[in-house]
N, C-alpha and C. Protein backbone atom coordinates (compact mmCIF):
# COMPACT_ATOMS: atom_id res chain seq x y z
N MET A 1 5.26 7.59 -3.81
CA MET A 1 3.99 7.18 -3.24
C MET A 1 2.85 7.84 -3.98
N LEU A 2 1.76 7.09 -4.18
CA LEU A 2 0.52 7.61 -4.72
C LEU A 2 -0.53 7.58 -3.62
N ALA A 3 -1.21 8.70 -3.42
CA ALA A 3 -2.21 8.77 -2.36
C ALA A 3 -3.31 9.74 -2.77
N SER A 4 -4.53 9.43 -2.35
CA SER A 4 -5.66 10.32 -2.64
C SER A 4 -6.21 10.98 -1.38
N GLY A 5 -5.74 10.54 -0.20
CA GLY A 5 -6.37 10.99 1.04
C GLY A 5 -5.43 11.70 1.99
N ARG A 6 -5.67 11.47 3.29
CA ARG A 6 -5.00 12.27 4.32
C ARG A 6 -3.53 11.94 4.49
N GLY A 7 -3.10 10.75 4.06
CA GLY A 7 -1.68 10.44 4.07
C GLY A 7 -1.15 9.86 5.36
N SER A 8 -1.98 9.16 6.11
CA SER A 8 -1.50 8.62 7.39
C SER A 8 -0.41 7.57 7.18
N ASN A 9 -0.50 6.81 6.10
CA ASN A 9 0.56 5.84 5.82
C ASN A 9 1.87 6.54 5.46
N LEU A 10 1.79 7.61 4.70
CA LEU A 10 2.98 8.39 4.38
C LEU A 10 3.60 8.93 5.67
N ALA A 11 2.77 9.45 6.56
CA ALA A 11 3.27 9.99 7.83
C ALA A 11 4.03 8.92 8.60
N ALA A 12 3.48 7.70 8.63
CA ALA A 12 4.14 6.61 9.35
C ALA A 12 5.48 6.26 8.71
N LEU A 13 5.54 6.24 7.39
CA LEU A 13 6.79 5.94 6.69
C LEU A 13 7.83 7.03 6.94
N LEU A 14 7.40 8.27 6.95
CA LEU A 14 8.33 9.38 7.20
C LEU A 14 8.90 9.31 8.61
N VAL A 15 8.06 8.98 9.58
CA VAL A 15 8.53 8.83 10.96
C VAL A 15 9.56 7.72 11.05
N ALA A 16 9.26 6.59 10.40
CA ALA A 16 10.19 5.46 10.43
C ALA A 16 11.52 5.84 9.77
N ARG A 17 11.46 6.57 8.67
CA ARG A 17 12.69 7.02 8.02
C ARG A 17 13.49 7.93 8.96
N ASP A 18 12.80 8.88 9.57
CA ASP A 18 13.48 9.84 10.43
C ASP A 18 14.07 9.19 11.69
N CYS A 19 13.48 8.06 12.09
CA CYS A 19 14.00 7.32 13.26
C CYS A 19 15.14 6.37 12.89
N GLY A 20 15.43 6.27 11.59
CA GLY A 20 16.49 5.38 11.14
C GLY A 20 16.05 3.95 10.93
N ASP A 21 14.71 3.71 10.96
CA ASP A 21 14.20 2.34 10.79
C ASP A 21 13.84 2.02 9.34
N LEU A 22 13.90 3.01 8.47
CA LEU A 22 13.49 2.80 7.08
C LEU A 22 14.53 3.45 6.17
N PRO A 23 15.42 2.63 5.58
CA PRO A 23 16.52 3.17 4.78
C PRO A 23 16.12 3.49 3.35
N VAL A 24 15.25 4.50 3.19
CA VAL A 24 14.78 4.86 1.86
C VAL A 24 14.86 6.37 1.67
N GLU A 25 14.80 6.76 0.41
CA GLU A 25 14.68 8.17 0.05
C GLU A 25 13.34 8.36 -0.66
N PHE A 26 12.58 9.34 -0.22
CA PHE A 26 11.31 9.65 -0.86
C PHE A 26 11.58 10.63 -2.01
N VAL A 27 11.26 10.21 -3.24
CA VAL A 27 11.57 11.07 -4.38
C VAL A 27 10.34 11.79 -4.92
N LEU A 28 9.12 11.30 -4.60
CA LEU A 28 7.92 11.95 -5.10
C LEU A 28 6.69 11.41 -4.38
N VAL A 29 5.76 12.31 -4.05
CA VAL A 29 4.42 11.94 -3.62
C VAL A 29 3.45 12.55 -4.61
N ALA A 30 2.66 11.70 -5.27
CA ALA A 30 1.75 12.16 -6.31
C ALA A 30 0.31 11.85 -5.92
N SER A 31 -0.60 12.69 -6.42
CA SER A 31 -2.01 12.52 -6.09
C SER A 31 -2.89 12.98 -7.25
N ASP A 32 -4.11 12.46 -7.26
CA ASP A 32 -5.11 12.90 -8.21
C ASP A 32 -6.02 13.95 -7.61
N LYS A 33 -5.74 14.35 -6.35
CA LYS A 33 -6.58 15.33 -5.65
C LYS A 33 -5.69 16.41 -5.04
N ALA A 34 -5.90 17.66 -5.45
CA ALA A 34 -5.06 18.76 -4.99
C ALA A 34 -5.16 18.98 -3.50
N ALA A 35 -6.32 18.60 -2.89
CA ALA A 35 -6.52 18.84 -1.47
C ALA A 35 -6.06 17.66 -0.60
N ALA A 36 -5.45 16.65 -1.19
CA ALA A 36 -5.04 15.47 -0.42
C ALA A 36 -4.06 15.85 0.69
N GLY A 37 -4.34 15.39 1.89
CA GLY A 37 -3.46 15.69 3.02
C GLY A 37 -2.07 15.14 2.83
N ALA A 38 -1.94 14.07 2.06
CA ALA A 38 -0.62 13.47 1.81
C ALA A 38 0.32 14.48 1.16
N LEU A 39 -0.22 15.34 0.32
CA LEU A 39 0.62 16.34 -0.35
C LEU A 39 1.17 17.35 0.64
N GLN A 40 0.33 17.75 1.59
CA GLN A 40 0.78 18.70 2.60
C GLN A 40 1.86 18.08 3.49
N LEU A 41 1.68 16.82 3.84
CA LEU A 41 2.69 16.12 4.65
C LEU A 41 4.01 16.05 3.89
N ALA A 42 3.93 15.72 2.61
CA ALA A 42 5.14 15.61 1.81
C ALA A 42 5.86 16.96 1.72
N GLU A 43 5.11 18.01 1.45
CA GLU A 43 5.71 19.33 1.34
C GLU A 43 6.39 19.74 2.63
N ALA A 44 5.75 19.45 3.77
CA ALA A 44 6.32 19.79 5.06
C ALA A 44 7.62 19.02 5.32
N ALA A 45 7.72 17.83 4.73
CA ALA A 45 8.91 16.99 4.92
C ALA A 45 9.95 17.24 3.83
N GLY A 46 9.67 18.16 2.93
CA GLY A 46 10.63 18.46 1.87
C GLY A 46 10.65 17.45 0.74
N VAL A 47 9.57 16.69 0.60
CA VAL A 47 9.48 15.69 -0.46
C VAL A 47 8.78 16.31 -1.67
N PRO A 48 9.31 16.17 -2.88
CA PRO A 48 8.65 16.71 -4.07
C PRO A 48 7.24 16.14 -4.24
N THR A 49 6.34 16.96 -4.76
CA THR A 49 4.95 16.53 -4.95
C THR A 49 4.51 16.76 -6.39
N LEU A 50 3.45 16.04 -6.75
CA LEU A 50 2.86 16.15 -8.08
C LEU A 50 1.36 15.97 -7.96
N VAL A 51 0.60 16.86 -8.58
CA VAL A 51 -0.86 16.73 -8.66
C VAL A 51 -1.26 16.73 -10.12
N LEU A 52 -2.03 15.72 -10.52
CA LEU A 52 -2.60 15.67 -11.86
C LEU A 52 -4.11 15.52 -11.73
N ASP A 53 -4.85 16.31 -12.45
CA ASP A 53 -6.32 16.28 -12.42
C ASP A 53 -6.82 15.36 -13.53
N PRO A 54 -7.46 14.24 -13.16
CA PRO A 54 -7.96 13.33 -14.20
C PRO A 54 -8.93 14.00 -15.16
N GLY A 55 -9.60 15.05 -14.71
CA GLY A 55 -10.56 15.73 -15.56
C GLY A 55 -9.94 16.46 -16.73
N HIS A 56 -8.63 16.63 -16.70
CA HIS A 56 -7.93 17.32 -17.79
C HIS A 56 -7.45 16.37 -18.89
N TYR A 57 -7.84 15.10 -18.79
CA TYR A 57 -7.41 14.10 -19.76
C TYR A 57 -8.63 13.51 -20.47
N PRO A 58 -8.46 13.05 -21.71
CA PRO A 58 -9.61 12.54 -22.46
C PRO A 58 -10.20 11.25 -21.89
N ASP A 59 -9.36 10.44 -21.22
CA ASP A 59 -9.86 9.20 -20.63
C ASP A 59 -8.89 8.73 -19.54
N ARG A 60 -9.29 7.67 -18.87
CA ARG A 60 -8.49 7.15 -17.75
C ARG A 60 -7.12 6.70 -18.21
N ARG A 61 -7.06 6.06 -19.35
CA ARG A 61 -5.78 5.54 -19.84
C ARG A 61 -4.79 6.67 -20.09
N ALA A 62 -5.26 7.75 -20.70
CA ALA A 62 -4.36 8.88 -20.98
C ALA A 62 -3.80 9.47 -19.68
N PHE A 63 -4.66 9.57 -18.66
CA PHE A 63 -4.22 10.07 -17.36
C PHE A 63 -3.15 9.15 -16.78
N ASP A 64 -3.43 7.85 -16.77
CA ASP A 64 -2.52 6.89 -16.16
C ASP A 64 -1.17 6.85 -16.88
N ILE A 65 -1.19 6.89 -18.21
CA ILE A 65 0.06 6.85 -18.98
C ILE A 65 0.93 8.07 -18.64
N ASP A 66 0.32 9.24 -18.55
CA ASP A 66 1.08 10.45 -18.23
C ASP A 66 1.59 10.38 -16.79
N LEU A 67 0.73 9.99 -15.87
CA LEU A 67 1.13 9.90 -14.47
C LEU A 67 2.32 8.96 -14.30
N PHE A 68 2.25 7.79 -14.90
CA PHE A 68 3.31 6.81 -14.69
C PHE A 68 4.59 7.17 -15.44
N ALA A 69 4.47 7.93 -16.51
CA ALA A 69 5.67 8.44 -17.17
C ALA A 69 6.39 9.42 -16.25
N ARG A 70 5.64 10.22 -15.53
CA ARG A 70 6.23 11.18 -14.60
C ARG A 70 6.83 10.46 -13.38
N LEU A 71 6.18 9.41 -12.95
CA LEU A 71 6.73 8.62 -11.85
C LEU A 71 8.06 8.00 -12.25
N ALA A 72 8.13 7.48 -13.46
CA ALA A 72 9.37 6.89 -13.94
C ALA A 72 10.47 7.95 -14.01
N ALA A 73 10.11 9.14 -14.45
CA ALA A 73 11.09 10.22 -14.58
C ALA A 73 11.64 10.67 -13.23
N SER A 74 10.90 10.38 -12.15
CA SER A 74 11.36 10.77 -10.81
C SER A 74 12.53 9.92 -10.33
N GLY A 75 12.75 8.78 -11.00
CA GLY A 75 13.81 7.88 -10.58
C GLY A 75 13.39 6.89 -9.52
N ALA A 76 12.11 6.85 -9.20
CA ALA A 76 11.62 5.94 -8.15
C ALA A 76 11.91 4.48 -8.52
N GLU A 77 12.35 3.72 -7.54
CA GLU A 77 12.59 2.28 -7.72
C GLU A 77 11.44 1.45 -7.17
N LEU A 78 10.67 2.02 -6.25
CA LEU A 78 9.51 1.34 -5.67
C LEU A 78 8.37 2.34 -5.60
N LEU A 79 7.19 1.90 -5.99
CA LEU A 79 6.00 2.75 -5.93
C LEU A 79 5.04 2.16 -4.90
N VAL A 80 4.65 3.00 -3.94
CA VAL A 80 3.75 2.57 -2.87
C VAL A 80 2.40 3.24 -3.07
N LEU A 81 1.35 2.42 -3.20
CA LEU A 81 -0.01 2.93 -3.27
C LEU A 81 -0.60 2.85 -1.86
N ALA A 82 -1.02 3.99 -1.34
CA ALA A 82 -1.60 4.02 0.01
C ALA A 82 -2.82 4.93 -0.02
N GLY A 83 -3.98 4.32 -0.19
CA GLY A 83 -5.20 5.11 -0.29
C GLY A 83 -5.32 5.83 -1.61
N PHE A 84 -4.75 5.28 -2.67
CA PHE A 84 -4.90 5.85 -4.01
C PHE A 84 -6.15 5.23 -4.62
N MET A 85 -7.22 6.03 -4.69
CA MET A 85 -8.55 5.48 -4.97
C MET A 85 -8.88 5.48 -6.46
N ARG A 86 -7.99 4.85 -7.24
CA ARG A 86 -8.23 4.73 -8.67
C ARG A 86 -7.79 3.34 -9.14
N ILE A 87 -8.52 2.81 -10.13
CA ILE A 87 -8.11 1.59 -10.80
C ILE A 87 -7.18 1.99 -11.93
N ILE A 88 -6.01 1.36 -12.00
CA ILE A 88 -4.95 1.80 -12.91
C ILE A 88 -4.99 0.99 -14.21
N ASP A 89 -4.82 1.69 -15.30
CA ASP A 89 -4.78 1.04 -16.62
C ASP A 89 -3.64 0.03 -16.68
N SER A 90 -3.91 -1.12 -17.26
CA SER A 90 -2.93 -2.21 -17.26
C SER A 90 -1.67 -1.84 -18.04
N ASP A 91 -1.81 -1.07 -19.12
CA ASP A 91 -0.63 -0.67 -19.89
C ASP A 91 0.30 0.22 -19.08
N ALA A 92 -0.29 1.04 -18.21
CA ALA A 92 0.52 1.93 -17.38
C ALA A 92 1.24 1.19 -16.28
N LEU A 93 0.56 0.20 -15.69
CA LEU A 93 1.16 -0.45 -14.52
C LEU A 93 2.09 -1.62 -14.87
N THR A 94 1.95 -2.20 -16.06
CA THR A 94 2.73 -3.38 -16.40
C THR A 94 4.23 -3.21 -16.20
N PRO A 95 4.83 -2.08 -16.62
CA PRO A 95 6.28 -1.94 -16.40
C PRO A 95 6.68 -1.88 -14.93
N TRP A 96 5.70 -1.67 -14.04
CA TRP A 96 6.00 -1.54 -12.62
C TRP A 96 5.72 -2.82 -11.83
N ILE A 97 5.25 -3.85 -12.49
CA ILE A 97 4.95 -5.08 -11.75
C ILE A 97 6.24 -5.60 -11.10
N GLY A 98 6.14 -5.87 -9.83
CA GLY A 98 7.31 -6.25 -9.04
C GLY A 98 7.98 -5.07 -8.36
N ARG A 99 7.54 -3.85 -8.73
CA ARG A 99 8.09 -2.63 -8.13
C ARG A 99 6.99 -1.71 -7.59
N MET A 100 5.79 -2.24 -7.48
CA MET A 100 4.66 -1.45 -6.99
C MET A 100 3.85 -2.28 -6.00
N ILE A 101 3.60 -1.70 -4.82
CA ILE A 101 2.85 -2.40 -3.79
C ILE A 101 1.66 -1.55 -3.34
N ASN A 102 0.68 -2.22 -2.77
CA ASN A 102 -0.54 -1.56 -2.29
C ASN A 102 -0.88 -2.11 -0.92
N ILE A 103 -1.40 -1.24 -0.04
CA ILE A 103 -1.91 -1.71 1.24
C ILE A 103 -3.43 -1.70 1.17
N HIS A 104 -4.03 -2.81 1.61
CA HIS A 104 -5.48 -2.99 1.50
C HIS A 104 -6.02 -3.45 2.85
N PRO A 105 -7.10 -2.82 3.34
CA PRO A 105 -7.61 -3.13 4.68
C PRO A 105 -8.51 -4.36 4.74
N SER A 106 -7.96 -5.50 4.39
CA SER A 106 -8.65 -6.77 4.61
C SER A 106 -7.62 -7.89 4.54
N LEU A 107 -8.02 -9.07 4.95
CA LEU A 107 -7.16 -10.24 4.83
C LEU A 107 -7.43 -10.87 3.46
N LEU A 108 -6.76 -10.31 2.46
CA LEU A 108 -6.94 -10.82 1.11
C LEU A 108 -6.69 -12.32 1.04
N PRO A 109 -7.45 -13.07 0.23
CA PRO A 109 -8.33 -12.59 -0.84
C PRO A 109 -9.73 -12.15 -0.41
N LYS A 110 -10.00 -12.10 0.90
CA LYS A 110 -11.30 -11.60 1.35
C LYS A 110 -11.45 -10.11 1.04
N TYR A 111 -12.63 -9.73 0.64
CA TYR A 111 -13.07 -8.32 0.59
C TYR A 111 -12.16 -7.43 -0.25
N ARG A 112 -12.01 -7.79 -1.50
CA ARG A 112 -11.37 -6.86 -2.42
C ARG A 112 -12.29 -5.66 -2.63
N GLY A 113 -11.71 -4.53 -3.00
CA GLY A 113 -12.53 -3.35 -3.25
C GLY A 113 -12.80 -2.55 -1.97
N LEU A 114 -13.99 -1.93 -1.92
CA LEU A 114 -14.31 -0.95 -0.88
C LEU A 114 -15.09 -1.56 0.29
N HIS A 115 -15.24 -0.74 1.34
CA HIS A 115 -16.08 -1.04 2.51
C HIS A 115 -15.69 -2.36 3.19
N THR A 116 -14.41 -2.57 3.34
CA THR A 116 -13.93 -3.86 3.84
C THR A 116 -14.31 -4.09 5.30
N HIS A 117 -14.26 -3.04 6.13
CA HIS A 117 -14.58 -3.21 7.55
C HIS A 117 -16.05 -3.58 7.72
N ARG A 118 -16.91 -2.89 7.01
CA ARG A 118 -18.34 -3.17 7.07
C ARG A 118 -18.62 -4.60 6.61
N ARG A 119 -17.99 -5.01 5.55
CA ARG A 119 -18.25 -6.35 5.00
C ARG A 119 -17.76 -7.43 5.96
N ALA A 120 -16.63 -7.18 6.64
CA ALA A 120 -16.14 -8.15 7.62
C ALA A 120 -17.12 -8.29 8.78
N LEU A 121 -17.66 -7.15 9.23
CA LEU A 121 -18.61 -7.20 10.34
C LEU A 121 -19.92 -7.86 9.91
N GLU A 122 -20.38 -7.52 8.72
CA GLU A 122 -21.64 -8.11 8.24
C GLU A 122 -21.53 -9.62 8.06
N ALA A 123 -20.31 -10.09 7.75
CA ALA A 123 -20.10 -11.53 7.57
C ALA A 123 -19.93 -12.25 8.91
N GLY A 124 -19.83 -11.49 9.99
CA GLY A 124 -19.64 -12.10 11.31
C GLY A 124 -18.24 -12.63 11.55
N ASP A 125 -17.26 -12.07 10.86
CA ASP A 125 -15.88 -12.53 11.01
C ASP A 125 -15.38 -12.29 12.44
N SER A 126 -14.65 -13.23 12.96
CA SER A 126 -14.03 -13.06 14.28
C SER A 126 -12.67 -12.40 14.18
N GLU A 127 -12.14 -12.33 12.96
CA GLU A 127 -10.80 -11.79 12.73
C GLU A 127 -10.82 -10.90 11.49
N HIS A 128 -10.07 -9.82 11.57
CA HIS A 128 -9.97 -8.88 10.45
C HIS A 128 -8.49 -8.52 10.32
N GLY A 129 -8.16 -7.68 9.35
CA GLY A 129 -6.76 -7.31 9.23
C GLY A 129 -6.48 -6.51 7.98
N ALA A 130 -5.21 -6.46 7.62
CA ALA A 130 -4.76 -5.72 6.44
C ALA A 130 -3.70 -6.54 5.71
N SER A 131 -3.56 -6.24 4.43
CA SER A 131 -2.61 -6.95 3.57
C SER A 131 -1.80 -5.94 2.75
N VAL A 132 -0.54 -6.26 2.51
CA VAL A 132 0.25 -5.55 1.52
C VAL A 132 0.54 -6.53 0.40
N HIS A 133 0.25 -6.10 -0.83
CA HIS A 133 0.42 -7.01 -1.96
C HIS A 133 1.10 -6.28 -3.13
N TYR A 134 1.73 -7.05 -3.99
CA TYR A 134 2.23 -6.50 -5.24
C TYR A 134 1.04 -6.19 -6.14
N VAL A 135 1.12 -5.09 -6.87
CA VAL A 135 0.02 -4.65 -7.72
C VAL A 135 0.13 -5.29 -9.09
N THR A 136 -1.00 -5.85 -9.54
CA THR A 136 -1.13 -6.35 -10.90
C THR A 136 -2.41 -5.77 -11.49
N ALA A 137 -2.73 -6.15 -12.71
CA ALA A 137 -3.92 -5.61 -13.36
C ALA A 137 -5.21 -6.07 -12.68
N GLU A 138 -5.14 -7.13 -11.87
CA GLU A 138 -6.33 -7.64 -11.18
C GLU A 138 -6.54 -6.84 -9.90
N LEU A 139 -7.70 -6.24 -9.71
CA LEU A 139 -7.98 -5.38 -8.57
C LEU A 139 -7.74 -6.12 -7.25
N ASP A 140 -6.81 -5.60 -6.45
CA ASP A 140 -6.47 -6.18 -5.14
C ASP A 140 -6.17 -7.67 -5.26
N GLY A 141 -5.63 -8.07 -6.42
CA GLY A 141 -5.45 -9.49 -6.67
C GLY A 141 -4.01 -9.93 -6.86
N GLY A 142 -3.05 -9.02 -6.71
CA GLY A 142 -1.65 -9.39 -6.89
C GLY A 142 -1.14 -10.23 -5.73
N PRO A 143 0.03 -10.85 -5.88
CA PRO A 143 0.59 -11.70 -4.83
C PRO A 143 0.70 -10.97 -3.50
N VAL A 144 0.15 -11.59 -2.46
CA VAL A 144 0.15 -10.97 -1.13
C VAL A 144 1.51 -11.20 -0.46
N ILE A 145 2.11 -10.11 0.00
CA ILE A 145 3.42 -10.18 0.65
C ILE A 145 3.28 -10.50 2.13
N ALA A 146 2.44 -9.73 2.81
CA ALA A 146 2.36 -9.86 4.27
C ALA A 146 1.01 -9.36 4.75
N GLN A 147 0.63 -9.84 5.94
CA GLN A 147 -0.64 -9.46 6.55
C GLN A 147 -0.47 -9.20 8.04
N VAL A 148 -1.40 -8.45 8.59
CA VAL A 148 -1.48 -8.27 10.04
C VAL A 148 -2.93 -8.53 10.44
N ARG A 149 -3.12 -9.14 11.60
CA ARG A 149 -4.45 -9.58 12.00
C ARG A 149 -4.83 -8.99 13.35
N LEU A 150 -6.14 -8.82 13.56
CA LEU A 150 -6.63 -8.45 14.89
C LEU A 150 -8.01 -9.07 15.08
N ALA A 151 -8.33 -9.34 16.35
CA ALA A 151 -9.61 -9.93 16.68
C ALA A 151 -10.70 -8.87 16.62
N VAL A 152 -11.84 -9.23 16.07
CA VAL A 152 -12.99 -8.34 16.04
C VAL A 152 -13.66 -8.36 17.41
N GLU A 153 -13.90 -7.18 17.96
CA GLU A 153 -14.51 -7.07 19.28
C GLU A 153 -16.03 -7.09 19.17
N SER A 154 -16.66 -7.66 20.16
CA SER A 154 -18.11 -7.76 20.17
C SER A 154 -18.74 -6.37 20.20
N GLY A 155 -19.68 -6.15 19.29
CA GLY A 155 -20.45 -4.91 19.30
C GLY A 155 -19.79 -3.72 18.64
N GLU A 156 -18.58 -3.86 18.15
CA GLU A 156 -17.94 -2.69 17.55
C GLU A 156 -18.50 -2.41 16.16
N ASP A 157 -18.43 -1.13 15.77
CA ASP A 157 -18.89 -0.75 14.44
C ASP A 157 -17.69 -0.61 13.50
N GLU A 158 -17.98 -0.31 12.24
CA GLU A 158 -16.89 -0.27 11.25
C GLU A 158 -15.91 0.86 11.54
N HIS A 159 -16.39 1.98 12.11
CA HIS A 159 -15.49 3.09 12.42
C HIS A 159 -14.49 2.68 13.49
N ARG A 160 -14.98 2.03 14.53
CA ARG A 160 -14.09 1.59 15.62
C ARG A 160 -13.11 0.54 15.11
N LEU A 161 -13.58 -0.38 14.29
CA LEU A 161 -12.72 -1.42 13.74
C LEU A 161 -11.62 -0.79 12.87
N ALA A 162 -11.99 0.17 12.05
CA ALA A 162 -11.02 0.85 11.20
C ALA A 162 -9.98 1.59 12.05
N GLN A 163 -10.42 2.24 13.12
CA GLN A 163 -9.51 2.96 14.02
C GLN A 163 -8.49 2.03 14.64
N ARG A 164 -8.95 0.87 15.08
CA ARG A 164 -8.04 -0.07 15.74
C ARG A 164 -7.06 -0.69 14.74
N LEU A 165 -7.51 -0.86 13.50
CA LEU A 165 -6.64 -1.49 12.50
C LEU A 165 -5.58 -0.53 11.97
N LEU A 166 -5.88 0.76 11.92
CA LEU A 166 -5.00 1.71 11.24
C LEU A 166 -3.55 1.68 11.73
N PRO A 167 -3.28 1.72 13.04
CA PRO A 167 -1.87 1.67 13.45
C PRO A 167 -1.18 0.36 13.07
N LEU A 168 -1.95 -0.72 12.98
CA LEU A 168 -1.37 -1.99 12.55
C LEU A 168 -1.04 -1.93 11.05
N GLU A 169 -1.90 -1.26 10.29
CA GLU A 169 -1.60 -1.05 8.86
C GLU A 169 -0.29 -0.30 8.69
N HIS A 170 -0.12 0.74 9.50
CA HIS A 170 1.11 1.54 9.40
C HIS A 170 2.34 0.70 9.67
N GLY A 171 2.27 -0.13 10.71
CA GLY A 171 3.40 -1.00 11.03
C GLY A 171 3.67 -2.01 9.94
N LEU A 172 2.60 -2.55 9.35
CA LEU A 172 2.74 -3.54 8.29
C LEU A 172 3.41 -2.94 7.07
N LEU A 173 2.92 -1.78 6.63
CA LEU A 173 3.49 -1.16 5.44
C LEU A 173 4.95 -0.79 5.65
N THR A 174 5.25 -0.25 6.81
CA THR A 174 6.64 0.13 7.11
C THR A 174 7.55 -1.09 7.07
N ALA A 175 7.10 -2.19 7.66
CA ALA A 175 7.93 -3.40 7.69
C ALA A 175 8.16 -3.96 6.29
N VAL A 176 7.13 -3.92 5.45
CA VAL A 176 7.28 -4.45 4.09
C VAL A 176 8.20 -3.57 3.26
N VAL A 177 8.03 -2.25 3.35
CA VAL A 177 8.90 -1.35 2.58
C VAL A 177 10.35 -1.52 3.04
N ALA A 178 10.57 -1.67 4.34
CA ALA A 178 11.93 -1.90 4.84
C ALA A 178 12.49 -3.21 4.32
N GLY A 179 11.63 -4.24 4.23
CA GLY A 179 12.09 -5.52 3.71
C GLY A 179 12.47 -5.46 2.25
N ILE A 180 11.69 -4.71 1.47
CA ILE A 180 12.02 -4.56 0.05
C ILE A 180 13.30 -3.73 -0.11
N ALA A 181 13.40 -2.64 0.65
CA ALA A 181 14.58 -1.78 0.56
C ALA A 181 15.85 -2.53 0.96
N GLY A 182 15.70 -3.47 1.90
CA GLY A 182 16.84 -4.24 2.38
C GLY A 182 17.15 -5.47 1.55
N GLY A 183 16.35 -5.70 0.48
CA GLY A 183 16.60 -6.83 -0.40
C GLY A 183 16.09 -8.16 0.13
N ARG A 184 15.32 -8.16 1.20
CA ARG A 184 14.82 -9.41 1.78
C ARG A 184 13.51 -9.85 1.14
N ILE A 185 12.77 -8.91 0.55
CA ILE A 185 11.49 -9.21 -0.09
C ILE A 185 11.57 -8.83 -1.56
N ALA A 186 11.13 -9.74 -2.42
CA ALA A 186 11.13 -9.47 -3.87
C ALA A 186 10.05 -10.33 -4.52
N LEU A 187 9.75 -10.01 -5.76
CA LEU A 187 8.80 -10.80 -6.53
C LEU A 187 9.54 -11.52 -7.64
N ASP A 188 9.39 -12.85 -7.70
CA ASP A 188 9.98 -13.66 -8.76
C ASP A 188 8.84 -14.24 -9.58
N THR A 189 8.61 -13.67 -10.75
CA THR A 189 7.46 -14.00 -11.60
C THR A 189 6.18 -13.72 -10.82
N ASP A 190 5.52 -14.74 -10.27
CA ASP A 190 4.30 -14.49 -9.51
C ASP A 190 4.41 -15.00 -8.08
N ARG A 191 5.62 -15.24 -7.61
CA ARG A 191 5.81 -15.74 -6.25
C ARG A 191 6.63 -14.73 -5.44
N VAL A 192 6.15 -14.48 -4.22
CA VAL A 192 6.87 -13.59 -3.32
C VAL A 192 8.05 -14.34 -2.72
N GLN A 193 9.21 -13.72 -2.76
CA GLN A 193 10.42 -14.29 -2.18
C GLN A 193 10.76 -13.57 -0.88
N PHE A 194 11.12 -14.33 0.15
CA PHE A 194 11.55 -13.77 1.42
C PHE A 194 12.88 -14.41 1.80
N ASN A 195 13.91 -13.58 1.86
CA ASN A 195 15.26 -14.10 2.11
C ASN A 195 15.64 -15.20 1.12
N GLY A 196 15.23 -15.00 -0.15
CA GLY A 196 15.61 -15.92 -1.21
C GLY A 196 14.76 -17.16 -1.35
N GLU A 197 13.74 -17.31 -0.51
CA GLU A 197 12.88 -18.49 -0.57
C GLU A 197 11.45 -18.08 -0.94
N ALA A 198 10.81 -18.87 -1.81
CA ALA A 198 9.43 -18.60 -2.21
C ALA A 198 8.49 -18.86 -1.04
N LEU A 199 7.55 -17.96 -0.83
CA LEU A 199 6.59 -18.11 0.26
C LEU A 199 5.37 -18.91 -0.19
N ALA A 200 4.97 -19.85 0.64
CA ALA A 200 3.73 -20.58 0.39
C ALA A 200 2.53 -19.81 0.92
N GLN A 201 2.75 -19.00 1.95
CA GLN A 201 1.71 -18.19 2.58
C GLN A 201 2.28 -16.80 2.83
N PRO A 202 1.43 -15.78 2.90
CA PRO A 202 1.94 -14.44 3.20
C PRO A 202 2.66 -14.39 4.55
N LEU A 203 3.64 -13.52 4.64
CA LEU A 203 4.28 -13.24 5.92
C LEU A 203 3.24 -12.65 6.88
N GLN A 204 3.50 -12.80 8.18
CA GLN A 204 2.63 -12.22 9.20
C GLN A 204 3.43 -11.23 10.03
N LEU A 205 2.82 -10.09 10.33
CA LEU A 205 3.45 -9.11 11.21
C LEU A 205 3.04 -9.43 12.65
N ILE A 206 4.03 -9.84 13.45
CA ILE A 206 3.79 -10.20 14.85
C ILE A 206 4.81 -9.46 15.70
N ASP A 207 4.30 -8.66 16.64
CA ASP A 207 5.18 -7.87 17.52
C ASP A 207 6.17 -7.04 16.71
N GLY A 208 5.66 -6.47 15.60
CA GLY A 208 6.49 -5.57 14.81
C GLY A 208 7.46 -6.24 13.86
N ARG A 209 7.46 -7.57 13.81
CA ARG A 209 8.39 -8.29 12.95
C ARG A 209 7.64 -9.14 11.93
N LEU A 210 8.18 -9.23 10.73
CA LEU A 210 7.63 -10.10 9.70
C LEU A 210 8.15 -11.51 9.88
N VAL A 211 7.23 -12.45 10.01
CA VAL A 211 7.62 -13.85 10.21
C VAL A 211 6.85 -14.73 9.23
N LYS A 212 7.44 -15.87 8.92
CA LYS A 212 6.78 -16.81 8.02
C LYS A 212 5.57 -17.42 8.70
N ASN A 213 4.52 -17.66 7.89
CA ASN A 213 3.30 -18.29 8.37
C ASN A 213 3.38 -19.78 8.03
N HIS A 214 3.64 -20.59 9.03
CA HIS A 214 3.82 -22.03 8.78
C HIS A 214 2.50 -22.77 8.86
């Protein structure tokens, strides 16, 4: 996992693993920030950690190439980006296409980038949500695997909306990682496969289960 922040998604994945709902082994949690809470969570759970300071590299590409070489050396088969606040060099990420996913707090393709909750409220959206997608060189533009939705409440601000969405994000990411680990979710060229069939629309998380969106 790559994370720059407090690590709430990592915490949710660790809980799911410990409950027997997520059949994975965590081999490394890496960050570009030494103070990231995700690193402390990983250390407490006995998961190896890695911190690299981008300021010690001549440019972004050099940092990304070194970081991803270390990720490969860890033996990781799937890379999860959860709050990793960096745009990744295309040469570094290309070998991981189909093996790297990101969780993004919007119903993609809406609101790529930052401040998604604010933008949804400013647009007057009645519905908001989160997406998990395969990572490609296009920012928040890779094939969307699954989404979770919630109704926007009248008068709420972006902080309240973010708070209500967060536990749904955790459930969505956990379900997708479990699906990939179980061989039910995969990427075939540029199409997401679910149980061997190409999806026309992203899966939806409903009552904790991933279901096809017909």
